[in-house]
Amino acid sequence: GAVTVLLFTPHAAQKVTVDSLTGMK
């Protein structure tokens, strides 16, 4: 049950999402 909660925890209301992450940008 604890592992299931871990794997399927709802993500935060995504006001911010990652588009790309390359190096320092």
PDBML (XML) file of the C-alpha atoms, coordinates in Angstrom:
<?xml version="1.0" encoding="UTF-8" ?>
<PDBx:datablock datablockName="MODEL"
   xmlns:PDBx="http://pdbml.pdb.org/schema/pdbx-v50.xsd"
   xmlns:xsi="http://www.w3.org/2001/XMLSchema-instance"
   xsi:schemaLocation="http://pdbml.pdb.org/schema/pdbx-v50.xsd pdbx-v50.xsd">
   <PDBx:atom_siteCategory>
      <PDBx:atom_site id="1">
         <PDBx:B_iso_or_equiv>0.00</PDBx:B_iso_or_equiv>
         <PDBx:Cartn_x>0.000</PDBx:Cartn_x>
         <PDBx:Cartn_y>0.000</PDBx:Cartn_y>
         <PDBx:Cartn_z>0.000</PDBx:Cartn_z>
         <PDBx:auth_asym_id>A</PDBx:auth_asym_id>
         <PDBx:auth_atom_id>CA</PDBx:auth_atom_id>
         <PDBx:auth_comp_id>GLY</PDBx:auth_comp_id>
         <PDBx:auth_seq_id>1</PDBx:auth_seq_id>
         <PDBx:group_PDB>ATOM</PDBx:group_PDB>
         <PDBx:label_alt_id xsi:nil="true" />
         <PDBx:label_asym_id>A</PDBx:label_asym_id>
         <PDBx:label_atom_id>CA</PDBx:label_atom_id>
         <PDBx:label_comp_id>GLY</PDBx:label_comp_id>
         <PDBx:label_entity_id>1</PDBx:label_entity_id>
         <PDBx:label_seq_id>1</PDBx:label_seq_id>
         <PDBx:occupancy>1.00</PDBx:occupancy>
         <PDBx:pdbx_PDB_model_num>1</PDBx:pdbx_PDB_model_num>
         <PDBx:type_symbol>C</PDBx:type_symbol>
      </PDBx:atom_site>
      <PDBx:atom_site id="2">
         <PDBx:B_iso_or_equiv>0.00</PDBx:B_iso_or_equiv>
         <PDBx:Cartn_x>2.775</PDBx:Cartn_x>
         <PDBx:Cartn_y>2.434</PDBx:Cartn_y>
         <PDBx:Cartn_z>0.861</PDBx:Cartn_z>
         <PDBx:auth_asym_id>A</PDBx:auth_asym_id>
         <PDBx:auth_atom_id>CA</PDBx:auth_atom_id>
         <PDBx:auth_comp_id>ALA</PDBx:auth_comp_id>
         <PDBx:auth_seq_id>2</PDBx:auth_seq_id>
         <PDBx:group_PDB>ATOM</PDBx:group_PDB>
         <PDBx:label_alt_id xsi:nil="true" />
         <PDBx:label_asym_id>A</PDBx:label_asym_id>
         <PDBx:label_atom_id>CA</PDBx:label_atom_id>
         <PDBx:label_comp_id>ALA</PDBx:label_comp_id>
         <PDBx:label_entity_id>1</PDBx:label_entity_id>
         <PDBx:label_seq_id>2</PDBx:label_seq_id>
         <PDBx:occupancy>1.00</PDBx:occupancy>
         <PDBx:pdbx_PDB_model_num>1</PDBx:pdbx_PDB_model_num>
         <PDBx:type_symbol>C</PDBx:type_symbol>
      </PDBx:atom_site>
      <PDBx:atom_site id="3">
         <PDBx:B_iso_or_equiv>0.00</PDBx:B_iso_or_equiv>
         <PDBx:Cartn_x>4.593</PDBx:Cartn_x>
         <PDBx:Cartn_y>1.680</PDBx:Cartn_y>
         <PDBx:Cartn_z>-2.412</PDBx:Cartn_z>
         <PDBx:auth_asym_id>A</PDBx:auth_asym_id>
         <PDBx:auth_atom_id>CA</PDBx:auth_atom_id>
         <PDBx:auth_comp_id>VAL</PDBx:auth_comp_id>
         <PDBx:auth_seq_id>3</PDBx:auth_seq_id>
         <PDBx:group_PDB>ATOM</PDBx:group_PDB>
         <PDBx:label_alt_id xsi:nil="true" />
         <PDBx:label_asym_id>A</PDBx:label_asym_id>
         <PDBx:label_atom_id>CA</PDBx:label_atom_id>
         <PDBx:label_comp_id>VAL</PDBx:label_comp_id>
         <PDBx:label_entity_id>1</PDBx:label_entity_id>
         <PDBx:label_seq_id>3</PDBx:label_seq_id>
         <PDBx:occupancy>1.00</PDBx:occupancy>
         <PDBx:pdbx_PDB_model_num>1</PDBx:pdbx_PDB_model_num>
         <PDBx:type_symbol>C</PDBx:type_symbol>
      </PDBx:atom_site>
      <PDBx:atom_site id="4">
         <PDBx:B_iso_or_equiv>0.00</PDBx:B_iso_or_equiv>
         <PDBx:Cartn_x>1.345</PDBx:Cartn_x>
         <PDBx:Cartn_y>2.120</PDBx:Cartn_y>
         <PDBx:Cartn_z>-4.365</PDBx:Cartn_z>
         <PDBx:auth_asym_id>A</PDBx:auth_asym_id>
         <PDBx:auth_atom_id>CA</PDBx:auth_atom_id>
         <PDBx:auth_comp_id>THR</PDBx:auth_comp_id>
         <PDBx:auth_seq_id>4</PDBx:auth_seq_id>
         <PDBx:group_PDB>ATOM</PDBx:group_PDB>
         <PDBx:label_alt_id xsi:nil="true" />
         <PDBx:label_asym_id>A</PDBx:label_asym_id>
         <PDBx:label_atom_id>CA</PDBx:label_atom_id>
         <PDBx:label_comp_id>THR</PDBx:label_comp_id>
         <PDBx:label_entity_id>1</PDBx:label_entity_id>
         <PDBx:label_seq_id>4</PDBx:label_seq_id>
         <PDBx:occupancy>1.00</PDBx:occupancy>
         <PDBx:pdbx_PDB_model_num>1</PDBx:pdbx_PDB_model_num>
         <PDBx:type_symbol>C</PDBx:type_symbol>
      </PDBx:atom_site>
      <PDBx:atom_site id="5">
         <PDBx:B_iso_or_equiv>0.00</PDBx:B_iso_or_equiv>
         <PDBx:Cartn_x>0.790</PDBx:Cartn_x>
         <PDBx:Cartn_y>5.488</PDBx:Cartn_y>
         <PDBx:Cartn_z>-2.717</PDBx:Cartn_z>
         <PDBx:auth_asym_id>A</PDBx:auth_asym_id>
         <PDBx:auth_atom_id>CA</PDBx:auth_atom_id>
         <PDBx:auth_comp_id>VAL</PDBx:auth_comp_id>
         <PDBx:auth_seq_id>5</PDBx:auth_seq_id>
         <PDBx:group_PDB>ATOM</PDBx:group_PDB>
         <PDBx:label_alt_id xsi:nil="true" />
         <PDBx:label_asym_id>A</PDBx:label_asym_id>
         <PDBx:label_atom_id>CA</PDBx:label_atom_id>
         <PDBx:label_comp_id>VAL</PDBx:label_comp_id>
         <PDBx:label_entity_id>1</PDBx:label_entity_id>
         <PDBx:label_seq_id>5</PDBx:label_seq_id>
         <PDBx:occupancy>1.00</PDBx:occupancy>
         <PDBx:pdbx_PDB_model_num>1</PDBx:pdbx_PDB_model_num>
         <PDBx:type_symbol>C</PDBx:type_symbol>
      </PDBx:atom_site>
      <PDBx:atom_site id="6">
         <PDBx:B_iso_or_equiv>0.00</PDBx:B_iso_or_equiv>
         <PDBx:Cartn_x>4.363</PDBx:Cartn_x>
         <PDBx:Cartn_y>6.378</PDBx:Cartn_y>
         <PDBx:Cartn_z>-3.658</PDBx:Cartn_z>
         <PDBx:auth_asym_id>A</PDBx:auth_asym_id>
         <PDBx:auth_atom_id>CA</PDBx:auth_atom_id>
         <PDBx:auth_comp_id>LEU</PDBx:auth_comp_id>
         <PDBx:auth_seq_id>6</PDBx:auth_seq_id>
         <PDBx:group_PDB>ATOM</PDBx:group_PDB>
         <PDBx:label_alt_id xsi:nil="true" />
         <PDBx:label_asym_id>A</PDBx:label_asym_id>
         <PDBx:label_atom_id>CA</PDBx:label_atom_id>
         <PDBx:label_comp_id>LEU</PDBx:label_comp_id>
         <PDBx:label_entity_id>1</PDBx:label_entity_id>
         <PDBx:label_seq_id>6</PDBx:label_seq_id>
         <PDBx:occupancy>1.00</PDBx:occupancy>
         <PDBx:pdbx_PDB_model_num>1</PDBx:pdbx_PDB_model_num>
         <PDBx:type_symbol>C</PDBx:type_symbol>
      </PDBx:atom_site>
      <PDBx:atom_site id="7">
         <PDBx:B_iso_or_equiv>0.00</PDBx:B_iso_or_equiv>
         <PDBx:Cartn_x>4.075</PDBx:Cartn_x>
         <PDBx:Cartn_y>5.362</PDBx:Cartn_y>
         <PDBx:Cartn_z>-7.310</PDBx:Cartn_z>
         <PDBx:auth_asym_id>A</PDBx:auth_asym_id>
         <PDBx:auth_atom_id>CA</PDBx:auth_atom_id>
         <PDBx:auth_comp_id>LEU</PDBx:auth_comp_id>
         <PDBx:auth_seq_id>7</PDBx:auth_seq_id>
         <PDBx:group_PDB>ATOM</PDBx:group_PDB>
         <PDBx:label_alt_id xsi:nil="true" />
         <PDBx:label_asym_id>A</PDBx:label_asym_id>
         <PDBx:label_atom_id>CA</PDBx:label_atom_id>
         <PDBx:label_comp_id>LEU</PDBx:label_comp_id>
         <PDBx:label_entity_id>1</PDBx:label_entity_id>
         <PDBx:label_seq_id>7</PDBx:label_seq_id>
         <PDBx:occupancy>1.00</PDBx:occupancy>
         <PDBx:pdbx_PDB_model_num>1</PDBx:pdbx_PDB_model_num>
         <PDBx:type_symbol>C</PDBx:type_symbol>
      </PDBx:atom_site>
      <PDBx:atom_site id="8">
         <PDBx:B_iso_or_equiv>0.00</PDBx:B_iso_or_equiv>
         <PDBx:Cartn_x>0.597</PDBx:Cartn_x>
         <PDBx:Cartn_y>6.767</PDBx:Cartn_y>
         <PDBx:Cartn_z>-7.936</PDBx:Cartn_z>
         <PDBx:auth_asym_id>A</PDBx:auth_asym_id>
         <PDBx:auth_atom_id>CA</PDBx:auth_atom_id>
         <PDBx:auth_comp_id>PHE</PDBx:auth_comp_id>
         <PDBx:auth_seq_id>8</PDBx:auth_seq_id>
         <PDBx:group_PDB>ATOM</PDBx:group_PDB>
         <PDBx:label_alt_id xsi:nil="true" />
         <PDBx:label_asym_id>A</PDBx:label_asym_id>
         <PDBx:label_atom_id>CA</PDBx:label_atom_id>
         <PDBx:label_comp_id>PHE</PDBx:label_comp_id>
         <PDBx:label_entity_id>1</PDBx:label_entity_id>
         <PDBx:label_seq_id>8</PDBx:label_seq_id>
         <PDBx:occupancy>1.00</PDBx:occupancy>
         <PDBx:pdbx_PDB_model_num>1</PDBx:pdbx_PDB_model_num>
         <PDBx:type_symbol>C</PDBx:type_symbol>
      </PDBx:atom_site>
      <PDBx:atom_site id="9">
         <PDBx:B_iso_or_equiv>0.00</PDBx:B_iso_or_equiv>
         <PDBx:Cartn_x>0.717</PDBx:Cartn_x>
         <PDBx:Cartn_y>9.917</PDBx:Cartn_y>
         <PDBx:Cartn_z>-5.817</PDBx:Cartn_z>
         <PDBx:auth_asym_id>A</PDBx:auth_asym_id>
         <PDBx:auth_atom_id>CA</PDBx:auth_atom_id>
         <PDBx:auth_comp_id>THR</PDBx:auth_comp_id>
         <PDBx:auth_seq_id>9</PDBx:auth_seq_id>
         <PDBx:group_PDB>ATOM</PDBx:group_PDB>
         <PDBx:label_alt_id xsi:nil="true" />
         <PDBx:label_asym_id>A</PDBx:label_asym_id>
         <PDBx:label_atom_id>CA</PDBx:label_atom_id>
         <PDBx:label_comp_id>THR</PDBx:label_comp_id>
         <PDBx:label_entity_id>1</PDBx:label_entity_id>
         <PDBx:label_seq_id>9</PDBx:label_seq_id>
         <PDBx:occupancy>1.00</PDBx:occupancy>
         <PDBx:pdbx_PDB_model_num>1</PDBx:pdbx_PDB_model_num>
         <PDBx:type_symbol>C</PDBx:type_symbol>
      </PDBx:atom_site>
      <PDBx:atom_site id="10">
         <PDBx:B_iso_or_equiv>0.00</PDBx:B_iso_or_equiv>
         <PDBx:Cartn_x>-1.108</PDBx:Cartn_x>
         <PDBx:Cartn_y>12.701</PDBx:Cartn_y>
         <PDBx:Cartn_z>-7.656</PDBx:Cartn_z>
         <PDBx:auth_asym_id>A</PDBx:auth_asym_id>
         <PDBx:auth_atom_id>CA</PDBx:auth_atom_id>
         <PDBx:auth_comp_id>PRO</PDBx:auth_comp_id>
         <PDBx:auth_seq_id>10</PDBx:auth_seq_id>
         <PDBx:group_PDB>ATOM</PDBx:group_PDB>
         <PDBx:label_alt_id xsi:nil="true" />
         <PDBx:label_asym_id>A</PDBx:label_asym_id>
         <PDBx:label_atom_id>CA</PDBx:label_atom_id>
         <PDBx:label_comp_id>PRO</PDBx:label_comp_id>
         <PDBx:label_entity_id>1</PDBx:label_entity_id>
         <PDBx:label_seq_id>10</PDBx:label_seq_id>
         <PDBx:occupancy>1.00</PDBx:occupancy>
         <PDBx:pdbx_PDB_model_num>1</PDBx:pdbx_PDB_model_num>
         <PDBx:type_symbol>C</PDBx:type_symbol>
      </PDBx:atom_site>
      <PDBx:atom_site id="11">
         <PDBx:B_iso_or_equiv>0.00</PDBx:B_iso_or_equiv>
         <PDBx:Cartn_x>1.200</PDBx:Cartn_x>
         <PDBx:Cartn_y>15.322</PDBx:Cartn_y>
         <PDBx:Cartn_z>-9.065</PDBx:Cartn_z>
         <PDBx:auth_asym_id>A</PDBx:auth_asym_id>
         <PDBx:auth_atom_id>CA</PDBx:auth_atom_id>
         <PDBx:auth_comp_id>HIS</PDBx:auth_comp_id>
         <PDBx:auth_seq_id>11</PDBx:auth_seq_id>
         <PDBx:group_PDB>ATOM</PDBx:group_PDB>
         <PDBx:label_alt_id xsi:nil="true" />
         <PDBx:label_asym_id>A</PDBx:label_asym_id>
         <PDBx:label_atom_id>CA</PDBx:label_atom_id>
         <PDBx:label_comp_id>HIS</PDBx:label_comp_id>
         <PDBx:label_entity_id>1</PDBx:label_entity_id>
         <PDBx:label_seq_id>11</PDBx:label_seq_id>
         <PDBx:occupancy>1.00</PDBx:occupancy>
         <PDBx:pdbx_PDB_model_num>1</PDBx:pdbx_PDB_model_num>
         <PDBx:type_symbol>C</PDBx:type_symbol>
      </PDBx:atom_site>
      <PDBx:atom_site id="12">
         <PDBx:B_iso_or_equiv>0.00</PDBx:B_iso_or_equiv>
         <PDBx:Cartn_x>0.835</PDBx:Cartn_x>
         <PDBx:Cartn_y>18.856</PDBx:Cartn_y>
         <PDBx:Cartn_z>-7.877</PDBx:Cartn_z>
         <PDBx:auth_asym_id>A</PDBx:auth_asym_id>
         <PDBx:auth_atom_id>CA</PDBx:auth_atom_id>
         <PDBx:auth_comp_id>ALA</PDBx:auth_comp_id>
         <PDBx:auth_seq_id>12</PDBx:auth_seq_id>
         <PDBx:group_PDB>ATOM</PDBx:group_PDB>
         <PDBx:label_alt_id xsi:nil="true" />
         <PDBx:label_asym_id>A</PDBx:label_asym_id>
         <PDBx:label_atom_id>CA</PDBx:label_atom_id>
         <PDBx:label_comp_id>ALA</PDBx:label_comp_id>
         <PDBx:label_entity_id>1</PDBx:label_entity_id>
         <PDBx:label_seq_id>12</PDBx:label_seq_id>
         <PDBx:occupancy>1.00</PDBx:occupancy>
         <PDBx:pdbx_PDB_model_num>1</PDBx:pdbx_PDB_model_num>
         <PDBx:type_symbol>C</PDBx:type_symbol>
      </PDBx:atom_site>
      <PDBx:atom_site id="13">
         <PDBx:B_iso_or_equiv>0.00</PDBx:B_iso_or_equiv>
         <PDBx:Cartn_x>-1.578</PDBx:Cartn_x>
         <PDBx:Cartn_y>21.026</PDBx:Cartn_y>
         <PDBx:Cartn_z>-9.800</PDBx:Cartn_z>
         <PDBx:auth_asym_id>A</PDBx:auth_asym_id>
         <PDBx:auth_atom_id>CA</PDBx:auth_atom_id>
         <PDBx:auth_comp_id>ALA</PDBx:auth_comp_id>
         <PDBx:auth_seq_id>13</PDBx:auth_seq_id>
         <PDBx:group_PDB>ATOM</PDBx:group_PDB>
         <PDBx:label_alt_id xsi:nil="true" />
         <PDBx:label_asym_id>A</PDBx:label_asym_id>
         <PDBx:label_atom_id>CA</PDBx:label_atom_id>
         <PDBx:label_comp_id>ALA</PDBx:label_comp_id>
         <PDBx:label_entity_id>1</PDBx:label_entity_id>
         <PDBx:label_seq_id>13</PDBx:label_seq_id>
         <PDBx:occupancy>1.00</PDBx:occupancy>
         <PDBx:pdbx_PDB_model_num>1</PDBx:pdbx_PDB_model_num>
         <PDBx:type_symbol>C</PDBx:type_symbol>
      </PDBx:atom_site>
      <PDBx:atom_site id="14">
         <PDBx:B_iso_or_equiv>0.00</PDBx:B_iso_or_equiv>
         <PDBx:Cartn_x>0.789</PDBx:Cartn_x>
         <PDBx:Cartn_y>21.763</PDBx:Cartn_y>
         <PDBx:Cartn_z>-12.630</PDBx:Cartn_z>
         <PDBx:auth_asym_id>A</PDBx:auth_asym_id>
         <PDBx:auth_atom_id>CA</PDBx:auth_atom_id>
         <PDBx:auth_comp_id>GLN</PDBx:auth_comp_id>
         <PDBx:auth_seq_id>14</PDBx:auth_seq_id>
         <PDBx:group_PDB>ATOM</PDBx:group_PDB>
         <PDBx:label_alt_id xsi:nil="true" />
         <PDBx:label_asym_id>A</PDBx:label_asym_id>
         <PDBx:label_atom_id>CA</PDBx:label_atom_id>
         <PDBx:label_comp_id>GLN</PDBx:label_comp_id>
         <PDBx:label_entity_id>1</PDBx:label_entity_id>
         <PDBx:label_seq_id>14</PDBx:label_seq_id>
         <PDBx:occupancy>1.00</PDBx:occupancy>
         <PDBx:pdbx_PDB_model_num>1</PDBx:pdbx_PDB_model_num>
         <PDBx:type_symbol>C</PDBx:type_symbol>
      </PDBx:atom_site>
      <PDBx:atom_site id="15">
         <PDBx:B_iso_or_equiv>0.00</PDBx:B_iso_or_equiv>
         <PDBx:Cartn_x>1.011</PDBx:Cartn_x>
         <PDBx:Cartn_y>25.519</PDBx:Cartn_y>
         <PDBx:Cartn_z>-12.835</PDBx:Cartn_z>
         <PDBx:auth_asym_id>A</PDBx:auth_asym_id>
         <PDBx:auth_atom_id>CA</PDBx:auth_atom_id>
         <PDBx:auth_comp_id>LYS</PDBx:auth_comp_id>
         <PDBx:auth_seq_id>15</PDBx:auth_seq_id>
         <PDBx:group_PDB>ATOM</PDBx:group_PDB>
         <PDBx:label_alt_id xsi:nil="true" />
         <PDBx:label_asym_id>A</PDBx:label_asym_id>
         <PDBx:label_atom_id>CA</PDBx:label_atom_id>
         <PDBx:label_comp_id>LYS</PDBx:label_comp_id>
         <PDBx:label_entity_id>1</PDBx:label_entity_id>
         <PDBx:label_seq_id>15</PDBx:label_seq_id>
         <PDBx:occupancy>1.00</PDBx:occupancy>
         <PDBx:pdbx_PDB_model_num>1</PDBx:pdbx_PDB_model_num>
         <PDBx:type_symbol>C</PDBx:type_symbol>
      </PDBx:atom_site>
      <PDBx:atom_site id="16">
         <PDBx:B_iso_or_equiv>0.00</PDBx:B_iso_or_equiv>
         <PDBx:Cartn_x>4.617</PDBx:Cartn_x>
         <PDBx:Cartn_y>24.911</PDBx:Cartn_y>
         <PDBx:Cartn_z>-13.891</PDBx:Cartn_z>
         <PDBx:auth_asym_id>A</PDBx:auth_asym_id>
         <PDBx:auth_atom_id>CA</PDBx:auth_atom_id>
         <PDBx:auth_comp_id>VAL</PDBx:auth_comp_id>
         <PDBx:auth_seq_id>16</PDBx:auth_seq_id>
         <PDBx:group_PDB>ATOM</PDBx:group_PDB>
         <PDBx:label_alt_id xsi:nil="true" />
         <PDBx:label_asym_id>A</PDBx:label_asym_id>
         <PDBx:label_atom_id>CA</PDBx:label_atom_id>
         <PDBx:label_comp_id>VAL</PDBx:label_comp_id>
         <PDBx:label_entity_id>1</PDBx:label_entity_id>
         <PDBx:label_seq_id>16</PDBx:label_seq_id>
         <PDBx:occupancy>1.00</PDBx:occupancy>
         <PDBx:pdbx_PDB_model_num>1</PDBx:pdbx_PDB_model_num>
         <PDBx:type_symbol>C</PDBx:type_symbol>
      </PDBx:atom_site>
      <PDBx:atom_site id="17">
         <PDBx:B_iso_or_equiv>0.00</PDBx:B_iso_or_equiv>
         <PDBx:Cartn_x>5.857</PDBx:Cartn_x>
         <PDBx:Cartn_y>22.156</PDBx:Cartn_y>
         <PDBx:Cartn_z>-16.187</PDBx:Cartn_z>
         <PDBx:auth_asym_id>A</PDBx:auth_asym_id>
         <PDBx:auth_atom_id>CA</PDBx:auth_atom_id>
         <PDBx:auth_comp_id>THR</PDBx:auth_comp_id>
         <PDBx:auth_seq_id>17</PDBx:auth_seq_id>
         <PDBx:group_PDB>ATOM</PDBx:group_PDB>
         <PDBx:label_alt_id xsi:nil="true" />
         <PDBx:label_asym_id>A</PDBx:label_asym_id>
         <PDBx:label_atom_id>CA</PDBx:label_atom_id>
         <PDBx:label_comp_id>THR</PDBx:label_comp_id>
         <PDBx:label_entity_id>1</PDBx:label_entity_id>
         <PDBx:label_seq_id>17</PDBx:label_seq_id>
         <PDBx:occupancy>1.00</PDBx:occupancy>
         <PDBx:pdbx_PDB_model_num>1</PDBx:pdbx_PDB_model_num>
         <PDBx:type_symbol>C</PDBx:type_symbol>
      </PDBx:atom_site>
      <PDBx:atom_site id="18">
         <PDBx:B_iso_or_equiv>0.00</PDBx:B_iso_or_equiv>
         <PDBx:Cartn_x>9.308</PDBx:Cartn_x>
         <PDBx:Cartn_y>21.447</PDBx:Cartn_y>
         <PDBx:Cartn_z>-17.583</PDBx:Cartn_z>
         <PDBx:auth_asym_id>A</PDBx:auth_asym_id>
         <PDBx:auth_atom_id>CA</PDBx:auth_atom_id>
         <PDBx:auth_comp_id>VAL</PDBx:auth_comp_id>
         <PDBx:auth_seq_id>18</PDBx:auth_seq_id>
         <PDBx:group_PDB>ATOM</PDBx:group_PDB>
         <PDBx:label_alt_id xsi:nil="true" />
         <PDBx:label_asym_id>A</PDBx:label_asym_id>
         <PDBx:label_atom_id>CA</PDBx:label_atom_id>
         <PDBx:label_comp_id>VAL</PDBx:label_comp_id>
         <PDBx:label_entity_id>1</PDBx:label_entity_id>
         <PDBx:label_seq_id>18</PDBx:label_seq_id>
         <PDBx:occupancy>1.00</PDBx:occupancy>
         <PDBx:pdbx_PDB_model_num>1</PDBx:pdbx_PDB_model_num>
         <PDBx:type_symbol>C</PDBx:type_symbol>
      </PDBx:atom_site>
      <PDBx:atom_site id="19">
         <PDBx:B_iso_or_equiv>0.00</PDBx:B_iso_or_equiv>
         <PDBx:Cartn_x>9.636</PDBx:Cartn_x>
         <PDBx:Cartn_y>21.931</PDBx:Cartn_y>
         <PDBx:Cartn_z>-21.320</PDBx:Cartn_z>
         <PDBx:auth_asym_id>A</PDBx:auth_asym_id>
         <PDBx:auth_atom_id>CA</PDBx:auth_atom_id>
         <PDBx:auth_comp_id>ASP</PDBx:auth_comp_id>
         <PDBx:auth_seq_id>19</PDBx:auth_seq_id>
         <PDBx:group_PDB>ATOM</PDBx:group_PDB>
         <PDBx:label_alt_id xsi:nil="true" />
         <PDBx:label_asym_id>A</PDBx:label_asym_id>
         <PDBx:label_atom_id>CA</PDBx:label_atom_id>
         <PDBx:label_comp_id>ASP</PDBx:label_comp_id>
         <PDBx:label_entity_id>1</PDBx:label_entity_id>
         <PDBx:label_seq_id>19</PDBx:label_seq_id>
         <PDBx:occupancy>1.00</PDBx:occupancy>
         <PDBx:pdbx_PDB_model_num>1</PDBx:pdbx_PDB_model_num>
         <PDBx:type_symbol>C</PDBx:type_symbol>
      </PDBx:atom_site>
      <PDBx:atom_site id="20">
         <PDBx:B_iso_or_equiv>0.00</PDBx:B_iso_or_equiv>
         <PDBx:Cartn_x>13.309</PDBx:Cartn_x>
         <PDBx:Cartn_y>21.168</PDBx:Cartn_y>
         <PDBx:Cartn_z>-21.596</PDBx:Cartn_z>
         <PDBx:auth_asym_id>A</PDBx:auth_asym_id>
         <PDBx:auth_atom_id>CA</PDBx:auth_atom_id>
         <PDBx:auth_comp_id>SER</PDBx:auth_comp_id>
         <PDBx:auth_seq_id>20</PDBx:auth_seq_id>
         <PDBx:group_PDB>ATOM</PDBx:group_PDB>
         <PDBx:label_alt_id xsi:nil="true" />
         <PDBx:label_asym_id>A</PDBx:label_asym_id>
         <PDBx:label_atom_id>CA</PDBx:label_atom_id>
         <PDBx:label_comp_id>SER</PDBx:label_comp_id>
         <PDBx:label_entity_id>1</PDBx:label_entity_id>
         <PDBx:label_seq_id>20</PDBx:label_seq_id>
         <PDBx:occupancy>1.00</PDBx:occupancy>
         <PDBx:pdbx_PDB_model_num>1</PDBx:pdbx_PDB_model_num>
         <PDBx:type_symbol>C</PDBx:type_symbol>
      </PDBx:atom_site>
      <PDBx:atom_site id="21">
         <PDBx:B_iso_or_equiv>0.00</PDBx:B_iso_or_equiv>
         <PDBx:Cartn_x>16.378</PDBx:Cartn_x>
         <PDBx:Cartn_y>20.893</PDBx:Cartn_y>
         <PDBx:Cartn_z>-19.416</PDBx:Cartn_z>
         <PDBx:auth_asym_id>A</PDBx:auth_asym_id>
         <PDBx:auth_atom_id>CA</PDBx:auth_atom_id>
         <PDBx:auth_comp_id>LEU</PDBx:auth_comp_id>
         <PDBx:auth_seq_id>21</PDBx:auth_seq_id>
         <PDBx:group_PDB>ATOM</PDBx:group_PDB>
         <PDBx:label_alt_id xsi:nil="true" />
         <PDBx:label_asym_id>A</PDBx:label_asym_id>
         <PDBx:label_atom_id>CA</PDBx:label_atom_id>
         <PDBx:label_comp_id>LEU</PDBx:label_comp_id>
         <PDBx:label_entity_id>1</PDBx:label_entity_id>
         <PDBx:label_seq_id>21</PDBx:label_seq_id>
         <PDBx:occupancy>1.00</PDBx:occupancy>
         <PDBx:pdbx_PDB_model_num>1</PDBx:pdbx_PDB_model_num>
         <PDBx:type_symbol>C</PDBx:type_symbol>
      </PDBx:atom_site>
      <PDBx:atom_site id="22">
         <PDBx:B_iso_or_equiv>0.00</PDBx:B_iso_or_equiv>
         <PDBx:Cartn_x>19.742</PDBx:Cartn_x>
         <PDBx:Cartn_y>21.018</PDBx:Cartn_y>
         <PDBx:Cartn_z>-21.150</PDBx:Cartn_z>
         <PDBx:auth_asym_id>A</PDBx:auth_asym_id>
         <PDBx:auth_atom_id>CA</PDBx:auth_atom_id>
         <PDBx:auth_comp_id>THR</PDBx:auth_comp_id>
         <PDBx:auth_seq_id>22</PDBx:auth_seq_id>
         <PDBx:group_PDB>ATOM</PDBx:group_PDB>
         <PDBx:label_alt_id xsi:nil="true" />
         <PDBx:label_asym_id>A</PDBx:label_asym_id>
         <PDBx:label_atom_id>CA</PDBx:label_atom_id>
         <PDBx:label_comp_id>THR</PDBx:label_comp_id>
         <PDBx:label_entity_id>1</PDBx:label_entity_id>
         <PDBx:label_seq_id>22</PDBx:label_seq_id>
         <PDBx:occupancy>1.00</PDBx:occupancy>
         <PDBx:pdbx_PDB_model_num>1</PDBx:pdbx_PDB_model_num>
         <PDBx:type_symbol>C</PDBx:type_symbol>
      </PDBx:atom_site>
      <PDBx:atom_site id="23">
         <PDBx:B_iso_or_equiv>0.00</PDBx:B_iso_or_equiv>
         <PDBx:Cartn_x>22.903</PDBx:Cartn_x>
         <PDBx:Cartn_y>21.768</PDBx:Cartn_y>
         <PDBx:Cartn_z>-19.268</PDBx:Cartn_z>
         <PDBx:auth_asym_id>A</PDBx:auth_asym_id>
         <PDBx:auth_atom_id>CA</PDBx:auth_atom_id>
         <PDBx:auth_comp_id>GLY</PDBx:auth_comp_id>
         <PDBx:auth_seq_id>23</PDBx:auth_seq_id>
         <PDBx:group_PDB>ATOM</PDBx:group_PDB>
         <PDBx:label_alt_id xsi:nil="true" />
         <PDBx:label_asym_id>A</PDBx:label_asym_id>
         <PDBx:label_atom_id>CA</PDBx:label_atom_id>
         <PDBx:label_comp_id>GLY</PDBx:label_comp_id>
         <PDBx:label_entity_id>1</PDBx:label_entity_id>
         <PDBx:label_seq_id>23</PDBx:label_seq_id>
         <PDBx:occupancy>1.00</PDBx:occupancy>
         <PDBx:pdbx_PDB_model_num>1</PDBx:pdbx_PDB_model_num>
         <PDBx:type_symbol>C</PDBx:type_symbol>
      </PDBx:atom_site>
      <PDBx:atom_site id="24">
         <PDBx:B_iso_or_equiv>0.00</PDBx:B_iso_or_equiv>
         <PDBx:Cartn_x>22.521</PDBx:Cartn_x>
         <PDBx:Cartn_y>25.050</PDBx:Cartn_y>
         <PDBx:Cartn_z>-17.436</PDBx:Cartn_z>
         <PDBx:auth_asym_id>A</PDBx:auth_asym_id>
         <PDBx:auth_atom_id>CA</PDBx:auth_atom_id>
         <PDBx:auth_comp_id>MET</PDBx:auth_comp_id>
         <PDBx:auth_seq_id>24</PDBx:auth_seq_id>
         <PDBx:group_PDB>ATOM</PDBx:group_PDB>
         <PDBx:label_alt_id xsi:nil="true" />
         <PDBx:label_asym_id>A</PDBx:label_asym_id>
         <PDBx:label_atom_id>CA</PDBx:label_atom_id>
         <PDBx:label_comp_id>MET</PDBx:label_comp_id>
         <PDBx:label_entity_id>1</PDBx:label_entity_id>
         <PDBx:label_seq_id>24</PDBx:label_seq_id>
         <PDBx:occupancy>1.00</PDBx:occupancy>
         <PDBx:pdbx_PDB_model_num>1</PDBx:pdbx_PDB_model_num>
         <PDBx:type_symbol>C</PDBx:type_symbol>
      </PDBx:atom_site>
      <PDBx:atom_site id="25">
         <PDBx:B_iso_or_equiv>0.00</PDBx:B_iso_or_equiv>
         <PDBx:Cartn_x>19.348</PDBx:Cartn_x>
         <PDBx:Cartn_y>26.257</PDBx:Cartn_y>
         <PDBx:Cartn_z>-19.178</PDBx:Cartn_z>
         <PDBx:auth_asym_id>A</PDBx:auth_asym_id>
         <PDBx:auth_atom_id>CA</PDBx:auth_atom_id>
         <PDBx:auth_comp_id>LYS</PDBx:auth_comp_id>
         <PDBx:auth_seq_id>25</PDBx:auth_seq_id>
         <PDBx:group_PDB>ATOM</PDBx:group_PDB>
         <PDBx:label_alt_id xsi:nil="true" />
         <PDBx:label_asym_id>A</PDBx:label_asym_id>
         <PDBx:label_atom_id>CA</PDBx:label_atom_id>
         <PDBx:label_comp_id>LYS</PDBx:label_comp_id>
         <PDBx:label_entity_id>1</PDBx:label_entity_id>
         <PDBx:label_seq_id>25</PDBx:label_seq_id>
         <PDBx:occupancy>1.00</PDBx:occupancy>
         <PDBx:pdbx_PDB_model_num>1</PDBx:pdbx_PDB_model_num>
         <PDBx:type_symbol>C</PDBx:type_symbol>
      </PDBx:atom_site>
   </PDBx:atom_siteCategory>
</PDBx:datablock>
